[in-house]
Amino acid sequence: MRAIRVTSAAALGLAALSLTIPAASAVDNKVPTLVGTATPSTIAPGGQVTLSLSGCDGDADASSAVFDVVRIPPGGMATATVDWDAKRGAMYTVTYTCDDGRQTTSQLTIAGARPTRTFTPRPTATVTRSPAGPARGGVGGSQGGMNAGEIAAGAALVVAATGGVIFVLRRRGSSRQH
């Protein structure tokens, strides 16, 4: 008889625990939206355009009819040189392809004048800034923030399961004492 009580208590505990698993796994399964940008969006033939892509966890490729395929690192930027024979005044599509297969596009317009080479001095002053708060470590940013409603629901399920196990064990234990 004791084996039946232990088995039923364990089954009830496992059932309560299994009810909390779907809610915990569904917390942060959102796929970030891909946003590709070409800066400047209007450029002369022969000019350099800066390409960036957000929402992609891995490397990405940027391609267009007016420049060669460019590899963009995760969270970074890359530059591409627009072909000299690009049609002035035309609008070209830049396609960004993430390593996971997702794609997005942006537009690049070719200006009418040739680019002029200008010298832009780099700043010499170095600014040192301290962080605004502690580093966020742990799971590597793979989880979103905590949702109080989901935490409360999970805690209520665990408390209910524990209470049910205790009730069943005490009830069966008192009925055996004659």
C-alpha atoms as a PDB file:
ATOM      1  CA  MET A   1       0.000   0.000   0.000  1.00  0.00           C
ATOM      2  CA  ARG A   2       2.833   2.390   0.785  1.00  0.00           C
ATOM      3  CA  ALA A   3       4.189   2.021  -2.757  1.00  0.00           C
ATOM      4  CA  ILE A   4       0.831   3.147  -4.171  1.00  0.00           C
ATOM      5  CA  ARG A   5       0.886   6.297  -1.988  1.00  0.00           C
ATOM      6  CA  VAL A   6       4.414   7.195  -3.020  1.00  0.00           C
ATOM      7  CA  THR A   7       3.642   6.515  -6.676  1.00  0.00           C
ATOM      8  CA  SER A   8       0.477   8.625  -6.660  1.00  0.00           C
ATOM      9  CA  ALA A   9       2.247  11.471  -4.832  1.00  0.00           C
ATOM     10  CA  ALA A  10       5.087  11.382  -7.352  1.00  0.00           C
ATOM     11  CA  ALA A  11       2.634  11.307 -10.273  1.00  0.00           C
ATOM     12  CA  LEU A  12       0.726  14.288  -8.862  1.00  0.00           C
ATOM     13  CA  GLY A  13       3.971  16.220  -8.384  1.00  0.00           C
ATOM     14  CA  LEU A  14       5.119  15.447 -11.932  1.00  0.00           C
ATOM     15  CA  ALA A  15       1.738  16.497 -13.328  1.00  0.00           C
ATOM     16  CA  ALA A  16       1.959  19.841 -11.526  1.00  0.00           C
ATOM     17  CA  LEU A  17       5.516  20.360 -12.744  1.00  0.00           C
ATOM     18  CA  SER A  18       4.587  19.507 -16.327  1.00  0.00           C
ATOM     19  CA  LEU A  19       1.910  22.216 -16.289  1.00  0.00           C
ATOM     20  CA  THR A  20       4.571  24.860 -15.634  1.00  0.00           C
ATOM     21  CA  ILE A  21       6.902  23.786 -18.494  1.00  0.00           C
ATOM     22  CA  PRO A  22       4.859  25.119 -21.480  1.00  0.00           C
ATOM     23  CA  ALA A  23       4.499  28.566 -19.891  1.00  0.00           C
ATOM     24  CA  ALA A  24       8.204  28.768 -19.131  1.00  0.00           C
ATOM     25  CA  SER A  25       9.286  27.703 -22.600  1.00  0.00           C
ATOM     26  CA  ALA A  26       6.945  30.153 -24.346  1.00  0.00           C
ATOM     27  CA  VAL A  27       8.335  33.203 -22.545  1.00  0.00           C
ATOM     28  CA  ASP A  28      10.757  34.504 -25.162  1.00  0.00           C
ATOM     29  CA  ASN A  29      10.403  32.720 -28.499  1.00  0.00           C
ATOM     30  CA  LYS A  30      10.099  35.902 -30.562  1.00  0.00           C
ATOM     31  CA  VAL A  31      12.302  36.158 -33.631  1.00  0.00           C
ATOM     32  CA  PRO A  32      13.732  39.679 -33.936  1.00  0.00           C
ATOM     33  CA  THR A  33      12.755  41.707 -36.985  1.00  0.00           C
ATOM     34  CA  LEU A  34      15.480  42.262 -39.569  1.00  0.00           C
ATOM     35  CA  VAL A  35      16.200  45.914 -40.371  1.00  0.00           C
ATOM     36  CA  GLY A  36      18.763  46.680 -43.062  1.00  0.00           C
ATOM     37  CA  THR A  37      20.067  50.184 -43.737  1.00  0.00           C
ATOM     38  CA  ALA A  38      22.288  51.672 -46.415  1.00  0.00           C
ATOM     39  CA  THR A  39      23.887  54.983 -45.391  1.00  0.00           C
ATOM     40  CA  PRO A  40      23.760  57.325 -47.206  1.00  0.00           C
ATOM     41  CA  SER A  41      20.622  56.259 -49.039  1.00  0.00           C
ATOM     42  CA  THR A  42      21.542  58.497 -52.008  1.00  0.00           C
ATOM     43  CA  ILE A  43      25.085  58.134 -53.306  1.00  0.00           C
ATOM     44  CA  ALA A  44      27.067  58.987 -56.411  1.00  0.00           C
ATOM     45  CA  PRO A  45      28.660  56.290 -58.596  1.00  0.00           C
ATOM     46  CA  GLY A  46      32.010  55.253 -57.145  1.00  0.00           C
ATOM     47  CA  GLY A  47      31.028  56.338 -53.625  1.00  0.00           C
ATOM     48  CA  GLN A  48      31.155  54.187 -50.520  1.00  0.00           C
ATOM     49  CA  VAL A  49      27.968  53.138 -48.770  1.00  0.00           C
ATOM     50  CA  THR A  50      27.837  51.813 -45.198  1.00  0.00           C
ATOM     51  CA  LEU A  51      25.621  48.754 -44.756  1.00  0.00           C
ATOM     52  CA  SER A  52      24.244  47.550 -41.424  1.00  0.00           C
ATOM     53  CA  LEU A  53      21.733  44.916 -40.350  1.00  0.00           C
ATOM     54  CA  SER A  54      20.017  44.541 -36.986  1.00  0.00           C
ATOM     55  CA  GLY A  55      18.013  41.527 -35.801  1.00  0.00           C
ATOM     56  CA  CYS A  56      20.414  38.896 -37.156  1.00  0.00           C
ATOM     57  CA  ASP A  57      22.344  36.809 -34.618  1.00  0.00           C
ATOM     58  CA  GLY A  58      24.949  35.584 -37.104  1.00  0.00           C
ATOM     59  CA  ASP A  59      26.787  36.933 -40.106  1.00  0.00           C
ATOM     60  CA  ALA A  60      24.797  38.297 -43.048  1.00  0.00           C
ATOM     61  CA  ASP A  61      25.371  39.053 -46.712  1.00  0.00           C
ATOM     62  CA  ALA A  62      24.366  42.284 -48.447  1.00  0.00           C
ATOM     63  CA  SER A  63      24.029  42.255 -52.213  1.00  0.00           C
ATOM     64  CA  SER A  64      22.887  44.619 -54.944  1.00  0.00           C
ATOM     65  CA  ALA A  65      23.254  45.105 -58.680  1.00  0.00           C
ATOM     66  CA  VAL A  66      25.623  48.057 -58.079  1.00  0.00           C
ATOM     67  CA  PHE A  67      28.212  46.454 -55.749  1.00  0.00           C
ATOM     68  CA  ASP A  68      29.732  43.074 -54.928  1.00  0.00           C
ATOM     69  CA  VAL A  69      28.398  40.876 -52.127  1.00  0.00           C
ATOM     70  CA  VAL A  70      29.530  42.207 -48.744  1.00  0.00           C
ATOM     71  CA  ARG A  71      29.708  40.188 -45.490  1.00  0.00           C
ATOM     72  CA  ILE A  72      28.253  41.976 -42.425  1.00  0.00           C
ATOM     73  CA  PRO A  73      29.345  40.693 -38.978  1.00  0.00           C
ATOM     74  CA  PRO A  74      26.726  40.236 -36.226  1.00  0.00           C
ATOM     75  CA  GLY A  75      25.704  43.646 -34.883  1.00  0.00           C
ATOM     76  CA  GLY A  76      28.303  45.356 -37.090  1.00  0.00           C
ATOM     77  CA  MET A  77      28.630  47.271 -40.306  1.00  0.00           C
ATOM     78  CA  ALA A  78      30.395  46.873 -43.639  1.00  0.00           C
ATOM     79  CA  THR A  79      31.195  49.202 -46.515  1.00  0.00           C
ATOM     80  CA  ALA A  80      30.690  48.676 -50.219  1.00  0.00           C
ATOM     81  CA  THR A  81      31.883  50.715 -53.178  1.00  0.00           C
ATOM     82  CA  VAL A  82      29.171  51.544 -55.698  1.00  0.00           C
ATOM     83  CA  ASP A  83      30.101  50.685 -59.285  1.00  0.00           C
ATOM     84  CA  TRP A  84      31.216  53.620 -61.459  1.00  0.00           C
ATOM     85  CA  ASP A  85      28.837  52.517 -64.196  1.00  0.00           C
ATOM     86  CA  ALA A  86      25.738  52.682 -61.950  1.00  0.00           C
ATOM     87  CA  LYS A  87      22.895  54.473 -63.726  1.00  0.00           C
ATOM     88  CA  ARG A  88      22.548  58.014 -62.381  1.00  0.00           C
ATOM     89  CA  GLY A  89      19.149  58.731 -60.850  1.00  0.00           C
ATOM     90  CA  ALA A  90      18.251  55.028 -60.670  1.00  0.00           C
ATOM     91  CA  MET A  91      17.016  53.270 -57.537  1.00  0.00           C
ATOM     92  CA  TYR A  92      18.573  49.889 -56.655  1.00  0.00           C
ATOM     93  CA  THR A  93      17.459  47.312 -54.111  1.00  0.00           C
ATOM     94  CA  VAL A  94      19.932  46.121 -51.483  1.00  0.00           C
ATOM     95  CA  THR A  95      19.097  42.619 -50.232  1.00  0.00           C
ATOM     96  CA  TYR A  96      20.294  41.534 -46.771  1.00  0.00           C
ATOM     97  CA  THR A  97      20.373  37.765 -46.147  1.00  0.00           C
ATOM     98  CA  CYS A  98      20.926  36.483 -42.612  1.00  0.00           C
ATOM     99  CA  ASP A  99      22.705  33.135 -42.094  1.00  0.00           C
ATOM    100  CA  ASP A 100      19.414  31.609 -40.894  1.00  0.00           C
ATOM    101  CA  GLY A 101      17.834  32.362 -44.319  1.00  0.00           C
ATOM    102  CA  ARG A 102      15.720  35.378 -43.383  1.00  0.00           C
ATOM    103  CA  GLN A 103      15.890  38.351 -45.783  1.00  0.00           C
ATOM    104  CA  THR A 104      15.059  42.047 -45.861  1.00  0.00           C
ATOM    105  CA  THR A 105      15.700  44.867 -48.317  1.00  0.00           C
ATOM    106  CA  SER A 106      16.427  48.596 -48.462  1.00  0.00           C
ATOM    107  CA  GLN A 107      16.693  51.081 -51.335  1.00  0.00           C
ATOM    108  CA  LEU A 108      19.791  52.832 -52.643  1.00  0.00           C
ATOM    109  CA  THR A 109      19.435  55.802 -55.013  1.00  0.00           C
ATOM    110  CA  ILE A 110      22.264  56.817 -57.337  1.00  0.00           C
ATOM    111  CA  ALA A 111      22.909  60.575 -57.439  1.00  0.00           C
ATOM    112  CA  GLY A 112      23.679  62.532 -60.584  1.00  0.00           C
ATOM    113  CA  ALA A 113      27.184  63.889 -59.746  1.00  0.00           C
ATOM    114  CA  ARG A 114      30.556  62.190 -59.319  1.00  0.00           C
ATOM    115  CA  PRO A 115      31.806  61.949 -55.741  1.00  0.00           C
ATOM    116  CA  THR A 116      34.481  64.379 -54.637  1.00  0.00           C
ATOM    117  CA  ARG A 117      37.245  63.200 -52.376  1.00  0.00           C
ATOM    118  CA  THR A 118      37.248  65.109 -49.112  1.00  0.00           C
ATOM    119  CA  PHE A 119      39.574  64.869 -46.156  1.00  0.00           C
ATOM    120  CA  THR A 120      37.873  64.480 -42.784  1.00  0.00           C
ATOM    121  CA  PRO A 121      40.301  64.663 -39.854  1.00  0.00           C
ATOM    122  CA  ARG A 122      39.783  62.156 -37.075  1.00  0.00           C
ATOM    123  CA  PRO A 123      39.262  63.528 -33.580  1.00  0.00           C
ATOM    124  CA  THR A 124      42.321  63.285 -31.352  1.00  0.00           C
ATOM    125  CA  ALA A 125      40.640  63.573 -27.970  1.00  0.00           C
ATOM    126  CA  THR A 126      39.773  60.338 -26.215  1.00  0.00           C
ATOM    127  CA  VAL A 127      36.712  60.306 -24.010  1.00  0.00           C
ATOM    128  CA  THR A 128      36.561  57.667 -21.308  1.00  0.00           C
ATOM    129  CA  ARG A 129      33.133  56.879 -19.982  1.00  0.00           C
ATOM    130  CA  SER A 130      32.248  54.621 -17.105  1.00  0.00           C
ATOM    131  CA  PRO A 131      29.383  52.189 -17.534  1.00  0.00           C
ATOM    132  CA  ALA A 132      25.914  53.346 -16.517  1.00  0.00           C
ATOM    133  CA  GLY A 133      25.323  50.221 -14.454  1.00  0.00           C
ATOM    134  CA  PRO A 134      26.525  46.681 -13.868  1.00  0.00           C
ATOM    135  CA  ALA A 135      27.084  44.320 -16.764  1.00  0.00           C
ATOM    136  CA  ARG A 136      24.113  42.118 -17.484  1.00  0.00           C
ATOM    137  CA  GLY A 137      25.558  38.619 -17.330  1.00  0.00           C
ATOM    138  CA  GLY A 138      24.140  35.183 -16.906  1.00  0.00           C
ATOM    139  CA  VAL A 139      22.305  33.629 -19.819  1.00  0.00           C
ATOM    140  CA  GLY A 140      23.935  35.819 -22.446  1.00  0.00           C
ATOM    141  CA  GLY A 141      20.919  37.976 -23.162  1.00  0.00           C
ATOM    142  CA  SER A 142      18.888  35.054 -24.501  1.00  0.00           C
ATOM    143  CA  GLN A 143      16.016  35.750 -22.149  1.00  0.00           C
ATOM    144  CA  GLY A 144      13.781  38.776 -21.870  1.00  0.00           C
ATOM    145  CA  GLY A 145      12.793  40.474 -18.640  1.00  0.00           C
ATOM    146  CA  MET A 146      10.718  38.824 -15.944  1.00  0.00           C
ATOM    147  CA  ASN A 147       6.952  38.980 -16.256  1.00  0.00           C
ATOM    148  CA  ALA A 148       5.305  39.210 -12.828  1.00  0.00           C
ATOM    149  CA  GLY A 149       2.087  37.558 -14.032  1.00  0.00           C
ATOM    150  CA  GLU A 150       3.893  34.492 -15.358  1.00  0.00           C
ATOM    151  CA  ILE A 151       5.987  34.193 -12.207  1.00  0.00           C
ATOM    152  CA  ALA A 152       2.861  34.422 -10.022  1.00  0.00           C
ATOM    153  CA  ALA A 153       1.022  31.825 -12.134  1.00  0.00           C
ATOM    154  CA  GLY A 154       3.958  29.413 -11.945  1.00  0.00           C
ATOM    155  CA  ALA A 155       4.309  29.890  -8.193  1.00  0.00           C
ATOM    156  CA  ALA A 156       0.563  29.306  -7.716  1.00  0.00           C
ATOM    157  CA  LEU A 157       0.756  26.029  -9.672  1.00  0.00           C
ATOM    158  CA  VAL A 158       3.699  24.789  -7.629  1.00  0.00           C
ATOM    159  CA  VAL A 159       1.974  25.729  -4.323  1.00  0.00           C
ATOM    160  CA  ALA A 160      -1.261  24.054  -5.432  1.00  0.00           C
ATOM    161  CA  ALA A 161       0.585  20.878  -6.419  1.00  0.00           C
ATOM    162  CA  THR A 162       2.502  20.796  -3.153  1.00  0.00           C
ATOM    163  CA  GLY A 163      -0.700  21.349  -1.165  1.00  0.00           C
ATOM    164  CA  GLY A 164      -2.427  18.555  -3.068  1.00  0.00           C
ATOM    165  CA  VAL A 165       0.398  16.120  -2.378  1.00  0.00           C
ATOM    166  CA  ILE A 166       0.393  16.970   1.338  1.00  0.00           C
ATOM    167  CA  PHE A 167      -3.408  16.652   1.525  1.00  0.00           C
ATOM    168  CA  VAL A 168      -3.401  13.227  -0.150  1.00  0.00           C
ATOM    169  CA  LEU A 169      -0.566  11.904   2.006  1.00  0.00           C
ATOM    170  CA  ARG A 170      -2.120  13.134   5.277  1.00  0.00           C
ATOM    171  CA  ARG A 171      -5.568  11.848   4.349  1.00  0.00           C
ATOM    172  CA  ARG A 172      -4.276   8.392   3.534  1.00  0.00           C
ATOM    173  CA  GLY A 173      -2.056   8.364   6.608  1.00  0.00           C
ATOM    174  CA  SER A 174      -4.925   9.238   8.995  1.00  0.00           C
ATOM    175  CA  SER A 175      -7.278   6.621   7.523  1.00  0.00           C
ATOM    176  CA  ARG A 176      -4.763   3.844   8.272  1.00  0.00           C
ATOM    177  CA  GLN A 177      -4.469   4.684  11.996  1.00  0.00           C
ATOM    178  CA  HIS A 178      -7.366   2.817  13.756  1.00  0.00           C
END
